[in-house]
Amino acid sequence: MSASATENQIAAFLAKYSPAIEAELIDARARLRAFFPRGFELVFDNYNALVFGMSPSERAPDAFLSIAGYPKWVTLFFLHGKELDDPNSLLEGEGKQVRSIRLKSSADINTPQVEALVTQAIRSQQAALLAAPPLATVVKMVVAKQRPRRPAHKVVKPLSSATPKRHAARK
């Protein structure tokens, strides 16, 4: 698939989101890509979220950083986050391996504290990334059945205009 066809496909994935989340996801993706002159950006339009994973190879298990778009937020994932030094306690999660940061804004990626975590994650993959080709984007998975990409609107039932009936007092 050509690079322009891939970007058109990604644009269609992004269009499923609200304009605000779409903009945040586009910006977060650009900010994360800026750290990677070489390697692979692996795209997964899966059941729960649209994910952009960074990897030194085309193999999904080699991905070590990703951003994921949900209906109301964007999250930065460190797939080997438990191993990172996090002096500012930014990383969330208690699993065996993965840690994350729910971004308040895509600009959070470029704060010194988050950049330090991203740099640590890259350092562990540096040799493989240097051997990788210039950054290329590969759509790895598109799942037909997906959760909604926009927040659900709560339906508010109007109050009945009828007065509630009261039971007659018993004698």
Protein backbone atom coordinates (compact mmCIF):
# COMPACT_ATOMS: atom_id res chain seq x y z
CA MET A 1 0.00 0.00 0.00
CA SER A 2 1.37 3.44 -0.88
CA ALA A 3 2.11 6.00 1.84
CA SER A 4 -0.73 8.25 0.65
CA ALA A 5 -3.20 5.34 0.64
CA THR A 6 -2.10 4.44 4.18
CA GLU A 7 -2.60 8.03 5.35
CA ASN A 8 -6.03 8.13 3.70
CA GLN A 9 -6.97 4.96 5.57
CA ILE A 10 -5.71 6.49 8.84
CA ALA A 11 -7.71 9.66 8.14
CA ALA A 12 -10.84 7.49 7.86
CA PHE A 13 -10.02 5.86 11.21
CA LEU A 14 -9.54 9.28 12.83
CA ALA A 15 -12.78 10.66 11.37
CA LYS A 16 -14.74 8.27 13.62
CA TYR A 17 -13.76 10.41 16.64
CA SER A 18 -15.19 13.70 17.86
CA PRO A 19 -13.33 16.66 16.34
CA ALA A 20 -11.61 17.42 19.67
CA ILE A 21 -10.27 13.90 20.20
CA GLU A 22 -9.38 13.57 16.52
CA ALA A 23 -7.26 16.75 16.78
CA GLU A 24 -5.58 15.54 20.00
CA LEU A 25 -4.83 12.14 18.47
CA ILE A 26 -3.39 13.67 15.29
CA ASP A 27 -1.16 15.98 17.33
CA ALA A 28 -0.10 13.26 19.78
CA ARG A 29 0.79 11.01 16.85
CA ALA A 30 2.92 13.75 15.26
CA ARG A 31 4.69 14.48 18.55
CA LEU A 32 5.48 10.79 19.14
CA ARG A 33 6.66 10.27 15.56
CA ALA A 34 9.12 13.15 16.03
CA PHE A 35 11.15 10.91 18.38
CA PHE A 36 11.53 8.25 15.67
CA PRO A 37 13.56 8.97 12.53
CA ARG A 38 13.78 5.20 12.03
CA GLY A 39 11.52 2.24 12.76
CA PHE A 40 7.91 1.35 12.19
CA GLU A 41 4.68 2.96 13.22
CA LEU A 42 2.20 0.10 13.57
CA VAL A 43 -1.48 1.04 13.33
CA PHE A 44 -4.25 -1.01 14.93
CA ASP A 45 -7.87 0.05 14.49
CA ASN A 46 -9.07 -2.46 17.03
CA TYR A 47 -12.17 -3.06 19.13
CA ASN A 48 -11.36 -0.67 21.98
CA ALA A 49 -9.26 2.06 20.40
CA LEU A 50 -7.20 3.35 17.50
CA VAL A 51 -3.58 2.61 18.39
CA PHE A 52 -0.31 3.90 16.92
CA GLY A 53 2.56 1.74 18.19
CA MET A 54 6.27 2.41 17.70
CA SER A 55 8.54 -0.54 16.95
CA PRO A 56 11.99 -1.28 15.52
CA SER A 57 10.36 -3.94 13.29
CA GLU A 58 7.04 -4.72 11.62
CA ARG A 59 6.31 -7.26 14.35
CA ALA A 60 3.61 -6.17 16.78
CA PRO A 61 5.32 -7.85 19.78
CA ASP A 62 8.37 -5.60 19.24
CA ALA A 63 6.33 -2.41 19.81
CA PHE A 64 7.34 -0.64 23.01
CA LEU A 65 5.53 2.74 22.95
CA SER A 66 2.06 3.61 21.70
CA ILE A 67 -0.69 6.15 21.79
CA ALA A 68 -4.32 5.11 21.85
CA GLY A 69 -7.42 7.15 21.15
CA TYR A 70 -10.53 6.54 23.23
CA PRO A 71 -13.86 8.39 23.00
CA LYS A 72 -12.92 10.96 25.68
CA TRP A 73 -9.10 10.93 25.90
CA VAL A 74 -5.75 9.91 24.44
CA THR A 75 -3.35 7.68 26.38
CA LEU A 76 0.41 7.21 25.99
CA PHE A 77 1.41 3.62 26.73
CA PHE A 78 4.84 2.33 27.74
CA LEU A 79 4.68 -1.38 27.00
CA HIS A 80 7.70 -2.06 29.25
CA GLY A 81 6.82 0.75 31.63
CA LYS A 82 7.45 -1.17 34.81
CA GLU A 83 11.17 -1.06 34.02
CA LEU A 84 11.30 2.74 33.73
CA ASP A 85 12.58 5.14 36.36
CA ASP A 86 9.62 7.44 37.08
CA PRO A 87 10.72 9.98 39.71
CA ASN A 88 7.62 12.13 39.12
CA SER A 89 5.17 9.22 39.50
CA LEU A 90 3.48 9.97 36.18
CA LEU A 91 3.02 6.36 35.12
CA GLU A 92 -0.26 4.66 35.94
CA GLY A 93 -0.95 0.95 36.10
CA GLU A 94 -0.13 -1.98 38.33
CA GLY A 95 0.23 -4.84 35.85
CA LYS A 96 3.37 -6.90 35.29
CA GLN A 97 4.62 -4.76 32.42
CA VAL A 98 2.53 -1.94 30.90
CA ARG A 99 2.28 1.58 32.31
CA SER A 100 0.46 4.56 30.86
CA ILE A 101 -0.18 8.28 31.04
CA ARG A 102 -3.62 9.64 30.21
CA LEU A 103 -2.77 12.84 28.38
CA LYS A 104 -4.55 16.01 29.48
CA SER A 105 -3.30 17.46 26.21
CA SER A 106 -1.18 16.06 23.39
CA ALA A 107 1.40 18.71 24.33
CA ASP A 108 2.05 16.70 27.53
CA ILE A 109 4.25 14.42 25.40
CA ASN A 110 6.78 17.25 25.14
CA THR A 111 6.98 18.11 28.83
CA PRO A 112 10.45 17.39 30.25
CA GLN A 113 9.11 14.67 32.55
CA VAL A 114 7.29 12.74 29.81
CA GLU A 115 10.13 13.25 27.31
CA ALA A 116 12.48 11.71 29.90
CA LEU A 117 10.27 8.60 30.08
CA VAL A 118 10.01 8.36 26.28
CA THR A 119 13.80 8.72 26.00
CA GLN A 120 14.31 5.93 28.54
CA ALA A 121 11.96 3.66 26.61
CA ILE A 122 13.77 4.42 23.33
CA ARG A 123 17.18 3.83 24.90
CA SER A 124 16.37 0.16 25.49
CA GLN A 125 15.56 -0.22 21.76
CA GLN A 126 18.29 2.07 20.39
CA ALA A 127 20.38 -0.56 18.58
CA ALA A 128 17.37 -2.11 16.86
CA LEU A 129 16.01 1.32 15.89
CA LEU A 130 19.36 2.36 14.38
CA ALA A 131 19.28 -0.78 12.22
CA ALA A 132 15.69 -0.11 11.11
CA PRO A 133 14.74 1.69 7.89
CA PRO A 134 13.46 5.29 7.89
CA LEU A 135 10.16 5.55 9.76
CA ALA A 136 7.41 3.73 7.88
CA THR A 137 3.73 3.36 8.75
CA VAL A 138 2.05 -0.05 8.48
CA VAL A 139 -1.64 -0.70 9.14
CA LYS A 140 -1.52 -4.02 10.98
CA MET A 141 -5.13 -4.59 12.00
CA VAL A 142 -8.59 -3.30 11.22
CA VAL A 143 -11.42 -4.87 13.19
CA ALA A 144 -14.96 -4.58 11.83
CA LYS A 145 -16.72 -4.71 15.22
CA GLN A 146 -15.65 -1.74 17.34
CA ARG A 147 -16.78 0.17 20.35
CA PRO A 148 -18.13 3.62 19.48
CA ARG A 149 -15.33 6.14 18.96
CA ARG A 150 -17.44 9.07 20.15
CA PRO A 151 -18.80 9.48 23.68
CA ALA A 152 -22.29 8.14 24.20
CA HIS A 153 -24.92 10.79 24.68
CA LYS A 154 -27.07 10.24 27.71
CA VAL A 155 -30.75 10.32 26.93
CA VAL A 156 -32.62 12.37 29.47
CA LYS A 157 -36.21 11.29 29.86
CA PRO A 158 -38.61 14.21 30.28
CA LEU A 159 -40.57 14.31 33.48
CA SER A 160 -44.19 13.36 33.07
CA SER A 161 -46.53 16.32 33.27
CA ALA A 162 -49.15 14.15 34.93
CA THR A 163 -49.38 14.36 38.69
CA PRO A 164 -48.62 11.07 40.40
CA LYS A 165 -51.75 9.27 41.62
CA ARG A 166 -52.07 8.95 45.32
CA HIS A 167 -53.66 5.99 46.91
CA ALA A 168 -56.82 6.67 48.83
CA ALA A 169 -56.44 6.31 52.55
CA ARG A 170 -57.68 3.02 53.87
CA LYS A 171 -60.40 2.97 56.48
